[in-house]
Amino acid sequence: MASFLTDSPPPSLFQSYVQTGQEWLEKAAISVFKKGRIPRHVGFVMDGNRRFARRHGATSTYYGHYAGMKRLEKILDLCMELGIEEITCFAFSIANFERSSDEVAYLMRLFRETFASFCENHKLIETYGIRVRFIGDLSQLPPDLAEITQKVMEKTKENNSRVLNICCPYTSRDEMTSAIRANLEQVDQGTLSLADMDHDTIAKELFTLRPLDVLVRTSGEIRLSDFLLHQASLDGCQTHFVNCLWPDFSLWKMLPILLEYQIYCDVSKGALALNNE
C-alpha cells in the first residue's frame, strides 16, 4: 500500500496475520464485484473526522483529520482496484475557513504534507496512472499550498487512466457560479447565444469530467453540504448516506453501495430511455 503520510510503527506479528487475512478477503471480494458493472465516477463527502476524534477520546480534532486522510488513501486504493475511473472527494469547503484558526492551520499543514507527496515517486499514482486535479477556488489557499497544487497538476496532467479530483476549497454554489460566468463569457464572445444557454451548457463548464454515478456521504448526516449539487441532481446518479464516520469507512461499507448500483443501474437507465422516447 502506497502511503501519502508518514508510516505508522510496524505492526506486531499477530496484527500482520490479521492484516494479511483482511487484505486477502478484500481482494477476493473485489474480484467478485468486478465481474459486474462498476460506476465510472464516485464522489465522497468525507464527513465525521471530528466526531471520530471525540469518540476516541482525543483532546484535539487533529487526530480525526489525520485518520480521515489516511482513510482516503485506503479508499482510493480500493477504488482503483475496483476499476473506478474518476474519484471526487470533498476535502475542504470554502465555509471551513470559518472554523478556528488553529484547526484551519493544521488542515493546511496536513494538505501540504499530503499533496507534496504527489510530486514524488508516488506508487499509487504511478501504478494506476492517476491524474490529480484540484478543483475549487484555489486562490483562497495559502500561496505556498496553492503552488504545491499547481505542481501536482502539472506533474500528473499526462496521466490518462484515472482521475482524482480533490475539492479544496470548494462549494457547489461556487462551481455553478463559475460555470454560469463561463457561459456568459461565451455569449459575450459570440460563441454561444443566450437562447441556447441551458443546463447542458452549464454542465460542460463544471469542474468534474464525467457524469457522476454514485455519491457517498458518511457520518449518517442526510444532506449534501453544497457538494456536486448539479451533478447529483442528474438522472442516473445514486446517492447513499452511510451511517459510519469517514475514518471507519471501508470496503465492507462500499460493497452494498456497489451491489445496489449493479442491481439498479440498468433499470434506472432503461426507465430514463423510455421517458426520453
C-alpha atoms as a PDB file:
ATOM      1  CA  MET A   1       0.000   0.000   0.000  1.00  0.00           C
ATOM      2  CA  ALA A   2       1.417   3.309  -1.060  1.00  0.00           C
ATOM      3  CA  SER A   3       1.483   5.914   1.682  1.00  0.00           C
ATOM      4  CA  PHE A   4       0.642   9.625   1.443  1.00  0.00           C
ATOM      5  CA  LEU A   5       1.711  10.279   5.019  1.00  0.00           C
ATOM      6  CA  THR A   6       4.328   9.199   7.500  1.00  0.00           C
ATOM      7  CA  ASP A   7       4.157   5.450   8.084  1.00  0.00           C
ATOM      8  CA  SER A   8       2.887   4.104  11.401  1.00  0.00           C
ATOM      9  CA  PRO A   9       5.039   1.910  13.681  1.00  0.00           C
ATOM     10  CA  PRO A  10       5.441  -1.650  12.359  1.00  0.00           C
ATOM     11  CA  PRO A  11       2.593  -3.985  13.435  1.00  0.00           C
ATOM     12  CA  SER A  12       3.044  -6.974  15.720  1.00  0.00           C
ATOM     13  CA  LEU A  13       3.181 -10.489  14.281  1.00  0.00           C
ATOM     14  CA  PHE A  14      -0.472 -11.107  15.199  1.00  0.00           C
ATOM     15  CA  GLN A  15      -1.513  -7.818  13.626  1.00  0.00           C
ATOM     16  CA  SER A  16       0.415  -8.779  10.486  1.00  0.00           C
ATOM     17  CA  TYR A  17      -1.524 -12.048  10.226  1.00  0.00           C
ATOM     18  CA  VAL A  18      -4.826 -10.238  10.721  1.00  0.00           C
ATOM     19  CA  GLN A  19      -3.915  -7.607   8.139  1.00  0.00           C
ATOM     20  CA  THR A  20      -2.857 -10.263   5.619  1.00  0.00           C
ATOM     21  CA  GLY A  21      -6.126 -12.129   6.102  1.00  0.00           C
ATOM     22  CA  GLN A  22      -8.143  -8.951   5.727  1.00  0.00           C
ATOM     23  CA  GLU A  23      -6.292  -7.970   2.555  1.00  0.00           C
ATOM     24  CA  TRP A  24      -6.936 -11.451   1.098  1.00  0.00           C
ATOM     25  CA  LEU A  25     -10.666 -11.155   1.812  1.00  0.00           C
ATOM     26  CA  GLU A  26     -10.754  -7.682   0.290  1.00  0.00           C
ATOM     27  CA  LYS A  27      -9.047  -8.858  -2.889  1.00  0.00           C
ATOM     28  CA  ALA A  28     -11.443 -11.798  -3.160  1.00  0.00           C
ATOM     29  CA  ALA A  29     -14.462  -9.509  -2.731  1.00  0.00           C
ATOM     30  CA  ILE A  30     -13.112  -7.019  -5.256  1.00  0.00           C
ATOM     31  CA  SER A  31     -12.528  -9.736  -7.840  1.00  0.00           C
ATOM     32  CA  VAL A  32     -16.150 -10.889  -7.465  1.00  0.00           C
ATOM     33  CA  PHE A  33     -17.671  -7.418  -7.741  1.00  0.00           C
ATOM     34  CA  LYS A  34     -15.516  -6.544 -10.752  1.00  0.00           C
ATOM     35  CA  LYS A  35     -17.468  -9.172 -12.679  1.00  0.00           C
ATOM     36  CA  GLY A  36     -20.433  -6.784 -12.610  1.00  0.00           C
ATOM     37  CA  ARG A  37     -20.911  -3.176 -13.689  1.00  0.00           C
ATOM     38  CA  ILE A  38     -18.661  -0.710 -11.870  1.00  0.00           C
ATOM     39  CA  PRO A  39     -19.511   3.008 -11.610  1.00  0.00           C
ATOM     40  CA  ARG A  40     -17.137   5.193 -13.567  1.00  0.00           C
ATOM     41  CA  HIS A  41     -17.353   8.226 -11.271  1.00  0.00           C
ATOM     42  CA  VAL A  42     -17.868   8.222  -7.491  1.00  0.00           C
ATOM     43  CA  GLY A  43     -17.961  11.243  -5.200  1.00  0.00           C
ATOM     44  CA  PHE A  44     -17.277  11.193  -1.454  1.00  0.00           C
ATOM     45  CA  VAL A  45     -18.347  13.633   1.245  1.00  0.00           C
ATOM     46  CA  MET A  46     -15.771  12.573   3.831  1.00  0.00           C
ATOM     47  CA  ASP A  47     -17.709  13.582   6.945  1.00  0.00           C
ATOM     48  CA  GLY A  48     -17.182  12.621  10.581  1.00  0.00           C
ATOM     49  CA  ASN A  49     -13.484  13.242  11.262  1.00  0.00           C
ATOM     50  CA  ARG A  50     -14.086  15.499  14.261  1.00  0.00           C
ATOM     51  CA  ARG A  51     -16.655  13.154  15.773  1.00  0.00           C
ATOM     52  CA  PHE A  52     -14.221  10.299  15.238  1.00  0.00           C
ATOM     53  CA  ALA A  53     -11.627  12.191  17.289  1.00  0.00           C
ATOM     54  CA  ARG A  54     -14.104  12.822  20.108  1.00  0.00           C
ATOM     55  CA  ARG A  55     -15.286   9.208  20.079  1.00  0.00           C
ATOM     56  CA  HIS A  56     -11.694   8.050  20.544  1.00  0.00           C
ATOM     57  CA  GLY A  57     -11.121  10.435  23.431  1.00  0.00           C
ATOM     58  CA  ALA A  58      -8.749  12.731  21.570  1.00  0.00           C
ATOM     59  CA  THR A  59      -8.343  16.204  23.024  1.00  0.00           C
ATOM     60  CA  SER A  60      -7.961  17.712  19.561  1.00  0.00           C
ATOM     61  CA  THR A  61      -9.715  17.298  16.223  1.00  0.00           C
ATOM     62  CA  TYR A  62      -6.285  16.843  14.627  1.00  0.00           C
ATOM     63  CA  TYR A  63      -6.446  13.114  15.381  1.00  0.00           C
ATOM     64  CA  GLY A  64      -9.658  12.761  13.363  1.00  0.00           C
ATOM     65  CA  HIS A  65      -8.400  14.777  10.406  1.00  0.00           C
ATOM     66  CA  TYR A  66      -5.208  12.733  10.221  1.00  0.00           C
ATOM     67  CA  ALA A  67      -7.190   9.484  10.426  1.00  0.00           C
ATOM     68  CA  GLY A  68      -9.509  10.783   7.715  1.00  0.00           C
ATOM     69  CA  MET A  69      -6.626  11.496   5.358  1.00  0.00           C
ATOM     70  CA  LYS A  70      -5.216   8.026   5.952  1.00  0.00           C
ATOM     71  CA  ARG A  71      -8.641   6.564   5.204  1.00  0.00           C
ATOM     72  CA  LEU A  72      -8.775   8.477   1.908  1.00  0.00           C
ATOM     73  CA  GLU A  73      -5.543   6.742   0.943  1.00  0.00           C
ATOM     74  CA  LYS A  74      -7.065   3.341   1.639  1.00  0.00           C
ATOM     75  CA  ILE A  75     -10.355   4.048  -0.131  1.00  0.00           C
ATOM     76  CA  LEU A  76      -8.596   5.487  -3.160  1.00  0.00           C
ATOM     77  CA  ASP A  77      -6.532   2.325  -3.447  1.00  0.00           C
ATOM     78  CA  LEU A  78      -9.680   0.166  -3.209  1.00  0.00           C
ATOM     79  CA  CYS A  79     -11.491   2.265  -5.812  1.00  0.00           C
ATOM     80  CA  MET A  80      -8.564   1.949  -8.179  1.00  0.00           C
ATOM     81  CA  GLU A  81      -8.557  -1.831  -7.733  1.00  0.00           C
ATOM     82  CA  LEU A  82     -12.287  -1.910  -8.445  1.00  0.00           C
ATOM     83  CA  GLY A  83     -11.707  -0.064 -11.707  1.00  0.00           C
ATOM     84  CA  ILE A  84     -13.486   3.202 -10.847  1.00  0.00           C
ATOM     85  CA  GLU A  85     -12.138   5.794 -13.275  1.00  0.00           C
ATOM     86  CA  GLU A  86     -12.865   9.079 -11.509  1.00  0.00           C
ATOM     87  CA  ILE A  87     -12.982   9.874  -7.791  1.00  0.00           C
ATOM     88  CA  THR A  88     -14.088  13.245  -6.446  1.00  0.00           C
ATOM     89  CA  CYS A  89     -13.535  13.884  -2.745  1.00  0.00           C
ATOM     90  CA  PHE A  90     -14.689  16.849  -0.676  1.00  0.00           C
ATOM     91  CA  ALA A  91     -11.510  17.689   1.229  1.00  0.00           C
ATOM     92  CA  PHE A  92     -12.238  21.251   2.354  1.00  0.00           C
ATOM     93  CA  SER A  93     -15.216  23.540   1.969  1.00  0.00           C
ATOM     94  CA  ILE A  94     -14.863  27.270   1.468  1.00  0.00           C
ATOM     95  CA  ALA A  95     -17.069  27.528   4.556  1.00  0.00           C
ATOM     96  CA  ASN A  96     -14.453  25.599   6.574  1.00  0.00           C
ATOM     97  CA  PHE A  97     -12.301  28.723   6.672  1.00  0.00           C
ATOM     98  CA  GLU A  98     -14.748  29.903   9.347  1.00  0.00           C
ATOM     99  CA  ARG A  99     -13.515  27.217  11.748  1.00  0.00           C
ATOM    100  CA  SER A 100     -10.959  28.013  14.437  1.00  0.00           C
ATOM    101  CA  SER A 101      -7.655  29.376  13.151  1.00  0.00           C
ATOM    102  CA  ASP A 102      -5.771  26.517  14.831  1.00  0.00           C
ATOM    103  CA  GLU A 103      -7.856  23.850  13.103  1.00  0.00           C
ATOM    104  CA  VAL A 104      -7.584  25.544   9.707  1.00  0.00           C
ATOM    105  CA  ALA A 105      -3.824  25.946  10.134  1.00  0.00           C
ATOM    106  CA  TYR A 106      -3.458  22.242  10.982  1.00  0.00           C
ATOM    107  CA  LEU A 107      -5.506  21.214   7.936  1.00  0.00           C
ATOM    108  CA  MET A 108      -3.348  23.377   5.692  1.00  0.00           C
ATOM    109  CA  ARG A 109      -0.223  21.681   7.102  1.00  0.00           C
ATOM    110  CA  LEU A 110      -1.801  18.279   6.559  1.00  0.00           C
ATOM    111  CA  PHE A 111      -2.661  19.201   2.980  1.00  0.00           C
ATOM    112  CA  ARG A 112       0.888  20.417   2.343  1.00  0.00           C
ATOM    113  CA  GLU A 113       2.355  17.113   3.516  1.00  0.00           C
ATOM    114  CA  THR A 114      -0.184  15.010   1.632  1.00  0.00           C
ATOM    115  CA  PHE A 115      -0.240  16.949  -1.627  1.00  0.00           C
ATOM    116  CA  ALA A 116       3.550  17.336  -1.724  1.00  0.00           C
ATOM    117  CA  SER A 117       3.852  13.535  -1.708  1.00  0.00           C
ATOM    118  CA  PHE A 118       2.089  13.501  -5.089  1.00  0.00           C
ATOM    119  CA  CYS A 119       5.110  15.271  -6.585  1.00  0.00           C
ATOM    120  CA  GLU A 120       7.399  12.443  -5.520  1.00  0.00           C
ATOM    121  CA  ASN A 121       7.568   8.948  -6.956  1.00  0.00           C
ATOM    122  CA  HIS A 122       4.152   8.061  -5.575  1.00  0.00           C
ATOM    123  CA  LYS A 123       3.463   4.373  -6.109  1.00  0.00           C
ATOM    124  CA  LEU A 124      -0.328   4.579  -6.238  1.00  0.00           C
ATOM    125  CA  ILE A 125      -0.370   7.433  -8.743  1.00  0.00           C
ATOM    126  CA  GLU A 126       2.247   5.782 -10.936  1.00  0.00           C
ATOM    127  CA  THR A 127       0.670   2.323 -10.771  1.00  0.00           C
ATOM    128  CA  TYR A 128      -2.766   3.469 -11.922  1.00  0.00           C
ATOM    129  CA  GLY A 129      -1.766   6.484 -13.998  1.00  0.00           C
ATOM    130  CA  ILE A 130      -3.813   8.862 -11.868  1.00  0.00           C
ATOM    131  CA  ARG A 131      -4.271  12.437 -12.955  1.00  0.00           C
ATOM    132  CA  VAL A 132      -4.677  14.608  -9.860  1.00  0.00           C
ATOM    133  CA  ARG A 133      -6.873  17.688 -10.181  1.00  0.00           C
ATOM    134  CA  PHE A 134      -7.556  20.282  -7.502  1.00  0.00           C
ATOM    135  CA  ILE A 135     -10.913  21.899  -8.073  1.00  0.00           C
ATOM    136  CA  GLY A 136     -12.475  24.872  -6.355  1.00  0.00           C
ATOM    137  CA  ASP A 137     -11.301  28.389  -5.640  1.00  0.00           C
ATOM    138  CA  LEU A 138      -7.572  27.754  -5.304  1.00  0.00           C
ATOM    139  CA  SER A 139      -6.936  31.472  -4.876  1.00  0.00           C
ATOM    140  CA  GLN A 140      -8.178  31.138  -1.292  1.00  0.00           C
ATOM    141  CA  LEU A 141      -5.399  28.691  -0.362  1.00  0.00           C
ATOM    142  CA  PRO A 142      -2.155  29.911   1.235  1.00  0.00           C
ATOM    143  CA  PRO A 143       0.232  30.810  -1.621  1.00  0.00           C
ATOM    144  CA  ASP A 144       2.708  28.007  -0.885  1.00  0.00           C
ATOM    145  CA  LEU A 145      -0.068  25.398  -0.788  1.00  0.00           C
ATOM    146  CA  ALA A 146      -1.591  26.750  -3.998  1.00  0.00           C
ATOM    147  CA  GLU A 147       1.837  26.401  -5.599  1.00  0.00           C
ATOM    148  CA  ILE A 148       2.037  22.765  -4.499  1.00  0.00           C
ATOM    149  CA  THR A 149      -1.351  22.036  -6.070  1.00  0.00           C
ATOM    150  CA  GLN A 150      -0.215  23.557  -9.361  1.00  0.00           C
ATOM    151  CA  LYS A 151       2.967  21.462  -9.326  1.00  0.00           C
ATOM    152  CA  VAL A 152       0.970  18.288  -8.705  1.00  0.00           C
ATOM    153  CA  MET A 153      -1.457  19.028 -11.535  1.00  0.00           C
ATOM    154  CA  GLU A 154       1.418  19.825 -13.880  1.00  0.00           C
ATOM    155  CA  LYS A 155       3.269  16.632 -12.950  1.00  0.00           C
ATOM    156  CA  THR A 156       0.258  14.337 -13.428  1.00  0.00           C
ATOM    157  CA  LYS A 157      -1.505  16.080 -16.320  1.00  0.00           C
ATOM    158  CA  GLU A 158      -0.359  13.473 -18.867  1.00  0.00           C
ATOM    159  CA  ASN A 159      -1.793  10.597 -16.823  1.00  0.00           C
ATOM    160  CA  ASN A 160      -4.985   9.484 -18.544  1.00  0.00           C
ATOM    161  CA  SER A 161      -6.064   6.220 -16.925  1.00  0.00           C
ATOM    162  CA  ARG A 162      -7.757   7.512 -13.766  1.00  0.00           C
ATOM    163  CA  VAL A 163      -8.691  10.866 -12.245  1.00  0.00           C
ATOM    164  CA  LEU A 164      -8.635  12.054  -8.639  1.00  0.00           C
ATOM    165  CA  ASN A 165     -10.472  15.342  -8.090  1.00  0.00           C
ATOM    166  CA  ILE A 166      -9.659  16.949  -4.740  1.00  0.00           C
ATOM    167  CA  CYS A 167     -12.183  19.650  -3.884  1.00  0.00           C
ATOM    168  CA  CYS A 168     -10.170  22.122  -1.843  1.00  0.00           C
ATOM    169  CA  PRO A 169     -11.506  24.717  -1.146  1.00  0.00           C
ATOM    170  CA  TYR A 170     -14.835  24.121  -2.834  1.00  0.00           C
ATOM    171  CA  THR A 171     -18.573  24.630  -2.740  1.00  0.00           C
ATOM    172  CA  SER A 172     -21.040  23.580  -5.398  1.00  0.00           C
ATOM    173  CA  ARG A 173     -22.547  27.059  -5.473  1.00  0.00           C
ATOM    174  CA  ASP A 174     -19.139  28.481  -6.315  1.00  0.00           C
ATOM    175  CA  GLU A 175     -18.694  25.832  -9.023  1.00  0.00           C
ATOM    176  CA  MET A 176     -22.064  26.604 -10.597  1.00  0.00           C
ATOM    177  CA  THR A 177     -21.395  30.345 -10.401  1.00  0.00           C
ATOM    178  CA  SER A 178     -18.117  29.779 -12.235  1.00  0.00           C
ATOM    179  CA  ALA A 179     -19.879  27.676 -14.871  1.00  0.00           C
ATOM    180  CA  ILE A 180     -22.557  30.317 -15.454  1.00  0.00           C
ATOM    181  CA  ARG A 181     -19.898  33.015 -15.750  1.00  0.00           C
ATOM    182  CA  ALA A 182     -18.075  30.881 -18.331  1.00  0.00           C
ATOM    183  CA  ASN A 183     -21.311  30.595 -20.321  1.00  0.00           C
ATOM    184  CA  LEU A 184     -21.873  34.351 -20.165  1.00  0.00           C
ATOM    185  CA  GLU A 185     -18.316  34.943 -21.377  1.00  0.00           C
ATOM    186  CA  GLN A 186     -19.073  32.686 -24.358  1.00  0.00           C
ATOM    187  CA  VAL A 187     -22.189  34.754 -25.014  1.00  0.00           C
ATOM    188  CA  ASP A 188     -20.098  37.941 -24.941  1.00  0.00           C
ATOM    189  CA  GLN A 189     -17.586  36.356 -27.324  1.00  0.00           C
ATOM    190  CA  GLY A 190     -20.350  35.288 -29.696  1.00  0.00           C
ATOM    191  CA  THR A 191     -19.602  31.548 -29.405  1.00  0.00           C
ATOM    192  CA  LEU A 192     -22.853  30.850 -27.541  1.00  0.00           C
ATOM    193  CA  SER A 193     -26.235  32.508 -27.891  1.00  0.00           C
ATOM    194  CA  LEU A 194     -28.142  33.456 -24.767  1.00  0.00           C
ATOM    195  CA  ALA A 195     -31.137  31.469 -26.016  1.00  0.00           C
ATOM    196  CA  ASP A 196     -29.010  28.312 -26.204  1.00  0.00           C
ATOM    197  CA  MET A 197     -27.704  28.659 -22.657  1.00  0.00           C
ATOM    198  CA  ASP A 198     -29.184  25.831 -20.567  1.00  0.00           C
ATOM    199  CA  HIS A 199     -28.278  23.170 -18.030  1.00  0.00           C
ATOM    200  CA  ASP A 200     -26.282  21.262 -20.657  1.00  0.00           C
ATOM    201  CA  THR A 201     -24.049  24.223 -21.497  1.00  0.00           C
ATOM    202  CA  ILE A 202     -23.584  24.879 -17.781  1.00  0.00           C
ATOM    203  CA  ALA A 203     -22.746  21.212 -17.140  1.00  0.00           C
ATOM    204  CA  LYS A 204     -19.960  21.382 -19.714  1.00  0.00           C
ATOM    205  CA  GLU A 205     -18.235  24.077 -17.621  1.00  0.00           C
ATOM    206  CA  LEU A 206     -18.411  22.236 -14.294  1.00  0.00           C
ATOM    207  CA  PHE A 207     -15.162  21.190 -12.650  1.00  0.00           C
ATOM    208  CA  THR A 208     -15.652  17.405 -12.867  1.00  0.00           C
ATOM    209  CA  LEU A 209     -15.069  15.448 -16.085  1.00  0.00           C
ATOM    210  CA  ARG A 210     -17.501  12.527 -16.240  1.00  0.00           C
ATOM    211  CA  PRO A 211     -21.159  12.278 -15.191  1.00  0.00           C
ATOM    212  CA  LEU A 212     -21.478  11.340 -11.526  1.00  0.00           C
ATOM    213  CA  ASP A 213     -22.707   7.772 -10.993  1.00  0.00           C
ATOM    214  CA  VAL A 214     -22.612   7.451  -7.205  1.00  0.00           C
ATOM    215  CA  LEU A 215     -22.365   9.990  -4.394  1.00  0.00           C
ATOM    216  CA  VAL A 216     -21.494   8.754  -0.892  1.00  0.00           C
ATOM    217  CA  ARG A 217     -21.762  10.760   2.305  1.00  0.00           C
ATOM    218  CA  THR A 218     -20.541   9.272   5.567  1.00  0.00           C
ATOM    219  CA  SER A 219     -21.414  10.101   9.216  1.00  0.00           C
ATOM    220  CA  GLY A 220     -25.158   9.461   8.936  1.00  0.00           C
ATOM    221  CA  GLU A 221     -25.982  13.056   8.028  1.00  0.00           C
ATOM    222  CA  ILE A 222     -28.648  13.233   5.304  1.00  0.00           C
ATOM    223  CA  ARG A 223     -27.548  16.296   3.367  1.00  0.00           C
ATOM    224  CA  LEU A 224     -25.119  17.089   0.557  1.00  0.00           C
ATOM    225  CA  SER A 225     -23.449  20.124   2.203  1.00  0.00           C
ATOM    226  CA  ASP A 226     -23.015  22.055  -1.031  1.00  0.00           C
ATOM    227  CA  PHE A 227     -21.147  19.248  -2.828  1.00  0.00           C
ATOM    228  CA  LEU A 228     -21.694  18.335  -6.501  1.00  0.00           C
ATOM    229  CA  LEU A 229     -25.304  19.543  -6.350  1.00  0.00           C
ATOM    230  CA  HIS A 230     -25.733  19.818 -10.110  1.00  0.00           C
ATOM    231  CA  GLN A 231     -24.014  16.505 -10.813  1.00  0.00           C
ATOM    232  CA  ALA A 232     -26.011  14.646  -8.149  1.00  0.00           C
ATOM    233  CA  SER A 233     -29.321  16.014  -9.478  1.00  0.00           C
ATOM    234  CA  LEU A 234     -28.945  14.366 -12.866  1.00  0.00           C
ATOM    235  CA  ASP A 235     -30.798  11.160 -13.724  1.00  0.00           C
ATOM    236  CA  GLY A 236     -28.763   8.038 -13.122  1.00  0.00           C
ATOM    237  CA  CYS A 237     -26.830   9.279 -10.085  1.00  0.00           C
ATOM    238  CA  GLN A 238     -27.366   7.241  -6.924  1.00  0.00           C
ATOM    239  CA  THR A 239     -26.907   8.953  -3.559  1.00  0.00           C
ATOM    240  CA  HIS A 240     -26.042   6.992  -0.420  1.00  0.00           C
ATOM    241  CA  PHE A 241     -25.935   8.256   3.160  1.00  0.00           C
ATOM    242  CA  VAL A 242     -23.822   5.834   5.180  1.00  0.00           C
ATOM    243  CA  ASN A 243     -24.137   5.669   8.951  1.00  0.00           C
ATOM    244  CA  CYS A 244     -20.452   5.486   9.789  1.00  0.00           C
ATOM    245  CA  LEU A 245     -17.757   8.079  10.317  1.00  0.00           C
ATOM    246  CA  TRP A 246     -15.349   8.632   7.437  1.00  0.00           C
ATOM    247  CA  PRO A 247     -12.256   7.173   9.173  1.00  0.00           C
ATOM    248  CA  ASP A 248     -14.304   3.981   9.720  1.00  0.00           C
ATOM    249  CA  PHE A 249     -15.447   3.718   6.095  1.00  0.00           C
ATOM    250  CA  SER A 250     -14.163   0.575   4.404  1.00  0.00           C
ATOM    251  CA  LEU A 251     -14.639  -1.782   1.504  1.00  0.00           C
ATOM    252  CA  TRP A 252     -17.318  -3.576   3.505  1.00  0.00           C
ATOM    253  CA  LYS A 253     -19.326  -0.343   3.686  1.00  0.00           C
ATOM    254  CA  MET A 254     -18.701   0.239  -0.014  1.00  0.00           C
ATOM    255  CA  LEU A 255     -19.794  -3.183  -1.260  1.00  0.00           C
ATOM    256  CA  PRO A 256     -23.539  -2.747  -0.502  1.00  0.00           C
ATOM    257  CA  ILE A 257     -23.383   0.532  -2.438  1.00  0.00           C
ATOM    258  CA  LEU A 258     -21.787  -1.238  -5.404  1.00  0.00           C
ATOM    259  CA  LEU A 259     -24.310  -4.060  -5.187  1.00  0.00           C
ATOM    260  CA  GLU A 260     -27.230  -1.621  -5.302  1.00  0.00           C
ATOM    261  CA  TYR A 261     -25.599   0.169  -8.221  1.00  0.00           C
ATOM    262  CA  GLN A 262     -25.203  -3.088 -10.120  1.00  0.00           C
ATOM    263  CA  ILE A 263     -28.815  -4.086  -9.421  1.00  0.00           C
ATOM    264  CA  TYR A 264     -30.495  -0.798 -10.273  1.00  0.00           C
ATOM    265  CA  CYS A 265     -28.164   0.809 -12.808  1.00  0.00           C
ATOM    266  CA  ASP A 266     -29.623  -0.904 -15.869  1.00  0.00           C
ATOM    267  CA  VAL A 267     -33.172  -0.486 -14.523  1.00  0.00           C
ATOM    268  CA  SER A 268     -32.789   3.266 -13.968  1.00  0.00           C
ATOM    269  CA  LYS A 269     -31.117   3.817 -17.342  1.00  0.00           C
ATOM    270  CA  GLY A 270     -33.867   1.806 -19.037  1.00  0.00           C
ATOM    271  CA  ALA A 271     -36.552   3.921 -17.370  1.00  0.00           C
ATOM    272  CA  LEU A 272     -34.710   7.086 -18.427  1.00  0.00           C
ATOM    273  CA  ALA A 273     -34.580   5.862 -22.031  1.00  0.00           C
ATOM    274  CA  LEU A 274     -38.334   5.200 -22.005  1.00  0.00           C
ATOM    275  CA  ASN A 275     -39.031   8.653 -20.621  1.00  0.00           C
ATOM    276  CA  ASN A 276     -36.960  10.215 -23.397  1.00  0.00           C
ATOM    277  CA  GLU A 277     -38.806   8.384 -26.160  1.00  0.00           C
END
